[in-house]
Amino acid sequence: MKRSLFTAFALSMGLTLLAAGAPALAEAEPVPPLALRGIMQDLGRHMQTVTLGISREDWTLVEKTAPLIAQHPQPPLMEKTLILAFVGTDMGKYKSHDHKTHAAAHALAQAAKNKDGVAAIAAFQSVQTGCYGCHQEFRKPFVEHFYGTR
């Protein structure tokens, strides 16, 4: 009987505290997006441009766009520090995805310069695979960590 009363009391207190905190949670300011989000959006646009360039065999466009993928901007130092702290012990995996993607984007630029469609498509597939691998491993936990469950 004592245990049931204690459980009911604890549950009641928990719900009261949750209800009291609910207005504060509803009024909380949204977390501003990290600079990395803008960098990723730009990379998405560059990937679409490369897809268009390959489909039109516009090798000049592909050659011009591939370095924008390979040498994309880095987040500001403070943000980069937060990201690297989040990645933690998975730093090797994170850097491996990044290195593969950068190397493939450089190969894409070279293939486009040579007007070699087959090599450009293969290199672009490697770029996409590098992006996909990183997103599969890190995107969901990253978004949950930095933005909550949006």
N, C-alpha and C. Protein backbone atom coordinates (compact mmCIF):
# COMPACT_ATOMS: atom_id res chain seq x y z
N MET A 1 0.81 -1.19 0.00
CA MET A 1 0.00 0.00 0.00
C MET A 1 0.86 1.26 0.00
N LYS A 2 1.92 1.25 0.86
CA LYS A 2 2.83 2.39 0.90
C LYS A 2 3.48 2.62 -0.45
N ARG A 3 3.88 1.53 -1.09
CA ARG A 3 4.54 1.63 -2.40
C ARG A 3 3.60 2.24 -3.44
N SER A 4 2.33 1.86 -3.42
CA SER A 4 1.36 2.40 -4.35
C SER A 4 1.14 3.89 -4.13
N LEU A 5 1.07 4.30 -2.87
CA LEU A 5 0.90 5.72 -2.56
C LEU A 5 2.13 6.51 -3.01
N PHE A 6 3.32 5.96 -2.75
CA PHE A 6 4.55 6.64 -3.15
C PHE A 6 4.60 6.77 -4.67
N THR A 7 4.25 5.71 -5.39
CA THR A 7 4.26 5.74 -6.86
C THR A 7 3.27 6.77 -7.39
N ALA A 8 2.06 6.80 -6.80
CA ALA A 8 1.06 7.76 -7.22
C ALA A 8 1.53 9.19 -6.95
N PHE A 9 2.15 9.40 -5.79
CA PHE A 9 2.65 10.73 -5.44
C PHE A 9 3.76 11.15 -6.41
N ALA A 10 4.68 10.24 -6.66
CA ALA A 10 5.80 10.54 -7.56
C ALA A 10 5.29 10.85 -8.97
N LEU A 11 4.34 10.08 -9.43
CA LEU A 11 3.77 10.31 -10.76
C LEU A 11 3.06 11.66 -10.80
N SER A 12 2.30 11.96 -9.76
CA SER A 12 1.60 13.23 -9.68
C SER A 12 2.58 14.40 -9.68
N MET A 13 3.64 14.31 -8.92
CA MET A 13 4.65 15.37 -8.86
C MET A 13 5.35 15.53 -10.21
N GLY A 14 5.66 14.41 -10.82
CA GLY A 14 6.32 14.46 -12.12
C GLY A 14 5.46 15.15 -13.16
N LEU A 15 4.17 14.82 -13.19
CA LEU A 15 3.26 15.44 -14.14
C LEU A 15 3.08 16.93 -13.84
N THR A 16 3.04 17.29 -12.56
CA THR A 16 2.92 18.69 -12.17
C THR A 16 4.14 19.48 -12.63
N LEU A 17 5.32 18.92 -12.40
CA LEU A 17 6.55 19.61 -12.83
C LEU A 17 6.62 19.71 -14.34
N LEU A 18 6.20 18.66 -15.03
CA LEU A 18 6.21 18.68 -16.49
C LEU A 18 5.25 19.75 -17.01
N ALA A 19 4.05 19.82 -16.41
CA ALA A 19 3.07 20.82 -16.83
C ALA A 19 3.58 22.23 -16.53
N ALA A 20 4.24 22.41 -15.41
CA ALA A 20 4.78 23.74 -15.06
C ALA A 20 5.88 24.15 -16.02
N GLY A 21 6.63 23.20 -16.50
CA GLY A 21 7.73 23.51 -17.42
C GLY A 21 7.29 23.61 -18.87
N ALA A 22 6.09 23.13 -19.19
CA ALA A 22 5.62 23.13 -20.58
C ALA A 22 5.57 24.51 -21.20
N PRO A 23 5.05 25.56 -20.50
CA PRO A 23 5.06 26.88 -21.14
C PRO A 23 6.47 27.35 -21.47
N ALA A 24 7.42 27.07 -20.60
CA ALA A 24 8.80 27.47 -20.86
C ALA A 24 9.34 26.75 -22.09
N LEU A 25 8.99 25.47 -22.22
CA LEU A 25 9.45 24.72 -23.39
C LEU A 25 8.82 25.27 -24.66
N ALA A 26 7.54 25.62 -24.59
CA ALA A 26 6.84 26.14 -25.77
C ALA A 26 7.39 27.49 -26.18
N GLU A 27 7.89 28.28 -25.19
CA GLU A 27 8.39 29.61 -25.48
C GLU A 27 9.88 29.62 -25.83
N ALA A 28 10.53 28.47 -25.73
CA ALA A 28 11.96 28.41 -26.01
C ALA A 28 12.24 28.84 -27.45
N GLU A 29 13.30 29.57 -27.61
CA GLU A 29 13.70 30.02 -28.94
C GLU A 29 14.18 28.83 -29.76
N PRO A 30 13.83 28.78 -31.04
CA PRO A 30 14.35 27.69 -31.87
C PRO A 30 15.87 27.82 -32.01
N VAL A 31 16.51 26.68 -32.12
CA VAL A 31 17.95 26.66 -32.27
C VAL A 31 18.30 27.15 -33.67
N PRO A 32 19.15 28.17 -33.77
CA PRO A 32 19.52 28.63 -35.12
C PRO A 32 20.33 27.55 -35.84
N PRO A 33 20.14 27.43 -37.14
CA PRO A 33 20.88 26.39 -37.86
C PRO A 33 22.38 26.68 -37.86
N LEU A 34 23.14 25.62 -37.80
CA LEU A 34 24.59 25.74 -37.89
C LEU A 34 24.98 26.14 -39.31
N ALA A 35 26.15 26.73 -39.44
CA ALA A 35 26.66 27.08 -40.77
C ALA A 35 26.78 25.83 -41.64
N LEU A 36 27.02 24.69 -41.00
CA LEU A 36 27.15 23.44 -41.75
C LEU A 36 25.89 23.14 -42.56
N ARG A 37 24.72 23.52 -42.04
CA ARG A 37 23.49 23.28 -42.79
C ARG A 37 23.52 24.01 -44.13
N GLY A 38 23.95 25.26 -44.13
CA GLY A 38 24.06 26.03 -45.37
C GLY A 38 25.09 25.44 -46.31
N ILE A 39 26.20 24.97 -45.74
CA ILE A 39 27.24 24.33 -46.56
C ILE A 39 26.66 23.08 -47.23
N MET A 40 25.91 22.28 -46.48
CA MET A 40 25.30 21.07 -47.04
C MET A 40 24.28 21.41 -48.10
N GLN A 41 23.50 22.47 -47.90
CA GLN A 41 22.53 22.88 -48.91
C GLN A 41 23.24 23.30 -50.20
N ASP A 42 24.33 24.03 -50.06
CA ASP A 42 25.12 24.41 -51.25
C ASP A 42 25.66 23.17 -51.95
N LEU A 43 26.16 22.22 -51.16
CA LEU A 43 26.67 20.98 -51.77
C LEU A 43 25.56 20.25 -52.51
N GLY A 44 24.37 20.25 -51.97
CA GLY A 44 23.23 19.62 -52.66
C GLY A 44 22.96 20.28 -54.00
N ARG A 45 23.03 21.61 -54.03
CA ARG A 45 22.83 22.32 -55.31
C ARG A 45 23.97 22.00 -56.28
N HIS A 46 25.18 21.90 -55.79
CA HIS A 46 26.31 21.56 -56.67
C HIS A 46 26.15 20.14 -57.23
N MET A 47 25.65 19.23 -56.40
CA MET A 47 25.43 17.86 -56.86
C MET A 47 24.36 17.85 -57.97
N GLN A 48 23.32 18.64 -57.80
CA GLN A 48 22.28 18.73 -58.84
C GLN A 48 22.84 19.33 -60.12
N THR A 49 23.72 20.32 -59.98
CA THR A 49 24.34 20.92 -61.16
C THR A 49 25.19 19.90 -61.91
N VAL A 50 25.93 19.09 -61.16
CA VAL A 50 26.76 18.05 -61.79
C VAL A 50 25.87 17.04 -62.51
N THR A 51 24.77 16.66 -61.87
CA THR A 51 23.84 15.72 -62.51
C THR A 51 23.34 16.29 -63.84
N LEU A 52 22.96 17.55 -63.82
CA LEU A 52 22.51 18.22 -65.04
C LEU A 52 23.63 18.25 -66.08
N GLY A 53 24.84 18.61 -65.64
CA GLY A 53 25.97 18.67 -66.56
C GLY A 53 26.29 17.34 -67.20
N ILE A 54 26.26 16.28 -66.40
CA ILE A 54 26.53 14.94 -66.94
C ILE A 54 25.44 14.56 -67.94
N SER A 55 24.20 14.81 -67.59
CA SER A 55 23.10 14.40 -68.48
C SER A 55 23.14 15.15 -69.80
N ARG A 56 23.67 16.37 -69.79
CA ARG A 56 23.77 17.16 -71.02
C ARG A 56 25.15 17.03 -71.68
N GLU A 57 26.01 16.26 -71.05
CA GLU A 57 27.40 16.14 -71.49
C GLU A 57 28.06 17.52 -71.58
N ASP A 58 27.73 18.35 -70.61
CA ASP A 58 28.32 19.69 -70.49
C ASP A 58 29.53 19.56 -69.55
N TRP A 59 30.64 19.11 -70.13
CA TRP A 59 31.83 18.80 -69.32
C TRP A 59 32.45 20.05 -68.71
N THR A 60 32.26 21.19 -69.36
CA THR A 60 32.77 22.45 -68.79
C THR A 60 32.04 22.75 -67.48
N LEU A 61 30.74 22.56 -67.47
CA LEU A 61 29.95 22.80 -66.26
C LEU A 61 30.35 21.83 -65.15
N VAL A 62 30.52 20.57 -65.49
CA VAL A 62 30.92 19.56 -64.50
C VAL A 62 32.31 19.87 -63.97
N GLU A 63 33.24 20.20 -64.87
CA GLU A 63 34.61 20.52 -64.45
C GLU A 63 34.64 21.73 -63.53
N LYS A 64 33.81 22.71 -63.81
CA LYS A 64 33.75 23.94 -63.01
C LYS A 64 33.09 23.68 -61.65
N THR A 65 32.12 22.78 -61.59
CA THR A 65 31.35 22.56 -60.37
C THR A 65 32.01 21.55 -59.43
N ALA A 66 32.70 20.55 -59.95
CA ALA A 66 33.29 19.51 -59.11
C ALA A 66 34.22 20.08 -58.02
N PRO A 67 35.06 21.08 -58.31
CA PRO A 67 35.91 21.63 -57.24
C PRO A 67 35.11 22.31 -56.12
N LEU A 68 33.90 22.79 -56.44
CA LEU A 68 33.06 23.38 -55.40
C LEU A 68 32.61 22.32 -54.39
N ILE A 69 32.55 21.09 -54.85
CA ILE A 69 32.23 19.96 -53.97
C ILE A 69 33.49 19.54 -53.22
N ALA A 70 34.58 19.40 -53.95
CA ALA A 70 35.83 18.92 -53.35
C ALA A 70 36.40 19.89 -52.32
N GLN A 71 36.24 21.17 -52.57
CA GLN A 71 36.86 22.18 -51.71
C GLN A 71 35.80 23.07 -51.06
N HIS A 72 34.74 22.43 -50.57
CA HIS A 72 33.65 23.20 -49.97
C HIS A 72 34.14 23.94 -48.72
N PRO A 73 33.47 25.03 -48.38
CA PRO A 73 33.87 25.79 -47.20
C PRO A 73 33.74 24.95 -45.93
N GLN A 74 34.52 25.31 -44.94
CA GLN A 74 34.45 24.67 -43.63
C GLN A 74 33.59 25.53 -42.70
N PRO A 75 32.96 24.91 -41.72
CA PRO A 75 32.22 25.72 -40.74
C PRO A 75 33.20 26.61 -39.96
N PRO A 76 32.68 27.65 -39.32
CA PRO A 76 33.55 28.48 -38.47
C PRO A 76 34.22 27.62 -37.39
N LEU A 77 35.36 28.06 -36.92
CA LEU A 77 36.18 27.27 -35.98
C LEU A 77 35.40 26.80 -34.76
N MET A 78 34.62 27.68 -34.14
CA MET A 78 33.87 27.29 -32.94
C MET A 78 32.87 26.18 -33.27
N GLU A 79 32.19 26.32 -34.37
CA GLU A 79 31.22 25.30 -34.79
C GLU A 79 31.93 24.00 -35.13
N LYS A 80 33.04 24.11 -35.83
CA LYS A 80 33.81 22.91 -36.20
C LYS A 80 34.24 22.17 -34.94
N THR A 81 34.64 22.90 -33.92
CA THR A 81 35.05 22.29 -32.65
C THR A 81 33.89 21.52 -32.03
N LEU A 82 32.68 22.10 -32.06
CA LEU A 82 31.49 21.42 -31.53
C LEU A 82 31.19 20.15 -32.33
N ILE A 83 31.32 20.24 -33.64
CA ILE A 83 31.04 19.08 -34.50
C ILE A 83 32.04 17.97 -34.23
N LEU A 84 33.31 18.33 -34.15
CA LEU A 84 34.35 17.32 -33.91
C LEU A 84 34.20 16.69 -32.53
N ALA A 85 33.78 17.48 -31.55
CA ALA A 85 33.53 16.94 -30.21
C ALA A 85 32.36 15.96 -30.27
N PHE A 86 31.35 16.28 -31.05
CA PHE A 86 30.21 15.38 -31.20
C PHE A 86 30.64 14.08 -31.86
N VAL A 87 31.44 14.17 -32.92
CA VAL A 87 31.89 12.97 -33.64
C VAL A 87 32.72 12.08 -32.73
N GLY A 88 33.56 12.71 -31.90
CA GLY A 88 34.32 11.98 -30.88
C GLY A 88 35.15 10.84 -31.40
N THR A 89 34.89 9.66 -30.87
CA THR A 89 35.71 8.49 -31.20
C THR A 89 35.46 7.98 -32.62
N ASP A 90 34.44 8.49 -33.28
CA ASP A 90 34.17 8.11 -34.67
C ASP A 90 34.87 9.03 -35.67
N MET A 91 35.85 9.78 -35.19
CA MET A 91 36.56 10.75 -36.03
C MET A 91 37.17 10.07 -37.27
N GLY A 92 37.73 8.90 -37.11
CA GLY A 92 38.33 8.19 -38.24
C GLY A 92 37.31 7.89 -39.33
N LYS A 93 36.13 7.44 -38.94
CA LYS A 93 35.07 7.15 -39.91
C LYS A 93 34.61 8.44 -40.60
N TYR A 94 34.44 9.49 -39.81
CA TYR A 94 33.98 10.78 -40.33
C TYR A 94 34.98 11.32 -41.36
N LYS A 95 36.25 11.31 -41.00
CA LYS A 95 37.28 11.82 -41.91
C LYS A 95 37.43 10.93 -43.14
N SER A 96 37.22 9.63 -42.97
CA SER A 96 37.31 8.71 -44.11
C SER A 96 36.22 9.02 -45.14
N HIS A 97 35.00 9.24 -44.68
CA HIS A 97 33.92 9.61 -45.60
C HIS A 97 34.29 10.91 -46.32
N ASP A 98 34.77 11.87 -45.56
CA ASP A 98 35.11 13.18 -46.12
C ASP A 98 36.24 13.04 -47.15
N HIS A 99 37.27 12.28 -46.81
CA HIS A 99 38.41 12.10 -47.73
C HIS A 99 37.96 11.42 -49.03
N LYS A 100 37.16 10.37 -48.92
CA LYS A 100 36.69 9.65 -50.11
C LYS A 100 35.87 10.58 -51.01
N THR A 101 35.04 11.40 -50.39
CA THR A 101 34.19 12.31 -51.17
C THR A 101 35.04 13.36 -51.88
N HIS A 102 36.01 13.93 -51.17
CA HIS A 102 36.88 14.94 -51.77
C HIS A 102 37.70 14.34 -52.92
N ALA A 103 38.27 13.17 -52.69
CA ALA A 103 39.08 12.53 -53.74
C ALA A 103 38.23 12.22 -54.97
N ALA A 104 37.02 11.73 -54.75
CA ALA A 104 36.14 11.41 -55.87
C ALA A 104 35.73 12.67 -56.63
N ALA A 105 35.53 13.78 -55.92
CA ALA A 105 35.16 15.04 -56.59
C ALA A 105 36.33 15.55 -57.44
N HIS A 106 37.55 15.37 -56.96
CA HIS A 106 38.72 15.75 -57.78
C HIS A 106 38.80 14.86 -59.02
N ALA A 107 38.55 13.56 -58.85
CA ALA A 107 38.55 12.64 -60.00
C ALA A 107 37.44 13.02 -60.98
N LEU A 108 36.32 13.46 -60.46
CA LEU A 108 35.21 13.92 -61.31
C LEU A 108 35.64 15.11 -62.16
N ALA A 109 36.31 16.06 -61.54
CA ALA A 109 36.78 17.25 -62.28
C ALA A 109 37.75 16.84 -63.39
N GLN A 110 38.64 15.90 -63.09
CA GLN A 110 39.62 15.46 -64.09
C GLN A 110 38.93 14.71 -65.24
N ALA A 111 37.96 13.86 -64.89
CA ALA A 111 37.23 13.12 -65.93
C ALA A 111 36.47 14.10 -66.83
N ALA A 112 35.87 15.12 -66.24
CA ALA A 112 35.15 16.12 -67.04
C ALA A 112 36.12 16.89 -67.93
N LYS A 113 37.28 17.23 -67.39
CA LYS A 113 38.30 17.93 -68.18
C LYS A 113 38.69 17.09 -69.40
N ASN A 114 38.77 15.78 -69.20
CA ASN A 114 39.12 14.86 -70.28
C ASN A 114 37.92 14.50 -71.17
N LYS A 115 36.76 15.03 -70.81
CA LYS A 115 35.51 14.73 -71.53
C LYS A 115 35.24 13.23 -71.59
N ASP A 116 35.56 12.56 -70.49
CA ASP A 116 35.39 11.11 -70.37
C ASP A 116 34.12 10.85 -69.56
N GLY A 117 33.01 10.66 -70.28
CA GLY A 117 31.71 10.49 -69.63
C GLY A 117 31.63 9.29 -68.71
N VAL A 118 32.19 8.18 -69.12
CA VAL A 118 32.15 6.97 -68.30
C VAL A 118 32.90 7.19 -66.99
N ALA A 119 34.09 7.79 -67.07
CA ALA A 119 34.87 8.07 -65.86
C ALA A 119 34.18 9.12 -64.99
N ALA A 120 33.54 10.09 -65.62
CA ALA A 120 32.83 11.12 -64.85
C ALA A 120 31.66 10.50 -64.09
N ILE A 121 30.93 9.63 -64.73
CA ILE A 121 29.80 8.97 -64.07
C ILE A 121 30.30 8.10 -62.92
N ALA A 122 31.38 7.37 -63.14
CA ALA A 122 31.94 6.52 -62.07
C ALA A 122 32.43 7.38 -60.89
N ALA A 123 33.09 8.49 -61.19
CA ALA A 123 33.58 9.36 -60.13
C ALA A 123 32.42 9.99 -59.38
N PHE A 124 31.38 10.40 -60.11
CA PHE A 124 30.22 11.00 -59.47
C PHE A 124 29.51 9.99 -58.57
N GLN A 125 29.48 8.74 -59.01
CA GLN A 125 28.89 7.71 -58.16
C GLN A 125 29.69 7.58 -56.87
N SER A 126 31.01 7.70 -56.96
CA SER A 126 31.86 7.64 -55.76
C SER A 126 31.60 8.84 -54.85
N VAL A 127 31.37 10.01 -55.43
CA VAL A 127 31.03 11.19 -54.63
C VAL A 127 29.73 10.92 -53.89
N GLN A 128 28.73 10.44 -54.62
CA GLN A 128 27.43 10.18 -54.02
C GLN A 128 27.53 9.10 -52.93
N THR A 129 28.32 8.08 -53.17
CA THR A 129 28.48 7.01 -52.19
C THR A 129 29.15 7.54 -50.92
N GLY A 130 30.14 8.42 -51.09
CA GLY A 130 30.78 9.04 -49.92
C GLY A 130 29.81 9.88 -49.12
N CYS A 131 29.01 10.68 -49.80
CA CYS A 131 27.99 11.50 -49.13
C CYS A 131 26.99 10.60 -48.41
N TYR A 132 26.51 9.61 -49.13
CA TYR A 132 25.50 8.72 -48.57
C TYR A 132 26.02 7.98 -47.33
N GLY A 133 27.24 7.50 -47.39
CA GLY A 133 27.82 6.78 -46.24
C GLY A 133 27.88 7.67 -45.00
N CYS A 134 28.32 8.89 -45.19
CA CYS A 134 28.41 9.83 -44.06
C CYS A 134 27.02 10.16 -43.53
N HIS A 135 26.08 10.41 -44.43
CA HIS A 135 24.73 10.74 -44.01
C HIS A 135 24.09 9.57 -43.26
N GLN A 136 24.28 8.36 -43.77
CA GLN A 136 23.70 7.19 -43.11
C GLN A 136 24.23 7.03 -41.68
N GLU A 137 25.50 7.31 -41.52
CA GLU A 137 26.13 7.09 -40.22
C GLU A 137 25.95 8.26 -39.26
N PHE A 138 25.97 9.48 -39.77
CA PHE A 138 26.03 10.64 -38.88
C PHE A 138 24.84 11.60 -38.91
N ARG A 139 24.08 11.66 -39.99
CA ARG A 139 23.07 12.73 -40.11
C ARG A 139 22.02 12.66 -39.00
N LYS A 140 21.38 11.52 -38.81
CA LYS A 140 20.30 11.44 -37.81
C LYS A 140 20.80 11.78 -36.41
N PRO A 141 21.87 11.16 -35.92
CA PRO A 141 22.33 11.52 -34.58
C PRO A 141 22.81 12.98 -34.51
N PHE A 142 23.35 13.50 -35.59
CA PHE A 142 23.80 14.89 -35.63
C PHE A 142 22.61 15.84 -35.47
N VAL A 143 21.57 15.60 -36.25
CA VAL A 143 20.38 16.45 -36.18
C VAL A 143 19.74 16.36 -34.80
N GLU A 144 19.64 15.17 -34.26
CA GLU A 144 19.06 15.00 -32.92
C GLU A 144 19.91 15.72 -31.87
N HIS A 145 21.21 15.63 -31.99
CA HIS A 145 22.11 16.24 -31.01
C HIS A 145 22.04 17.78 -31.06
N PHE A 146 22.11 18.34 -32.25
CA PHE A 146 22.21 19.79 -32.38
C PHE A 146 20.85 20.50 -32.49
N TYR A 147 19.82 19.78 -32.93
CA TYR A 147 18.52 20.44 -33.15
C TYR A 147 17.37 19.80 -32.39
N GLY A 148 17.61 18.73 -31.69
CA GLY A 148 16.51 18.01 -31.04
C GLY A 148 15.84 17.12 -32.05
N THR A 149 14.60 16.78 -31.82
CA THR A 149 13.91 15.84 -32.71
C THR A 149 13.04 16.58 -33.70
N ARG A 150 13.65 17.30 -34.61
CA ARG A 150 12.90 18.01 -35.65
C ARG A 150 12.73 17.13 -36.85
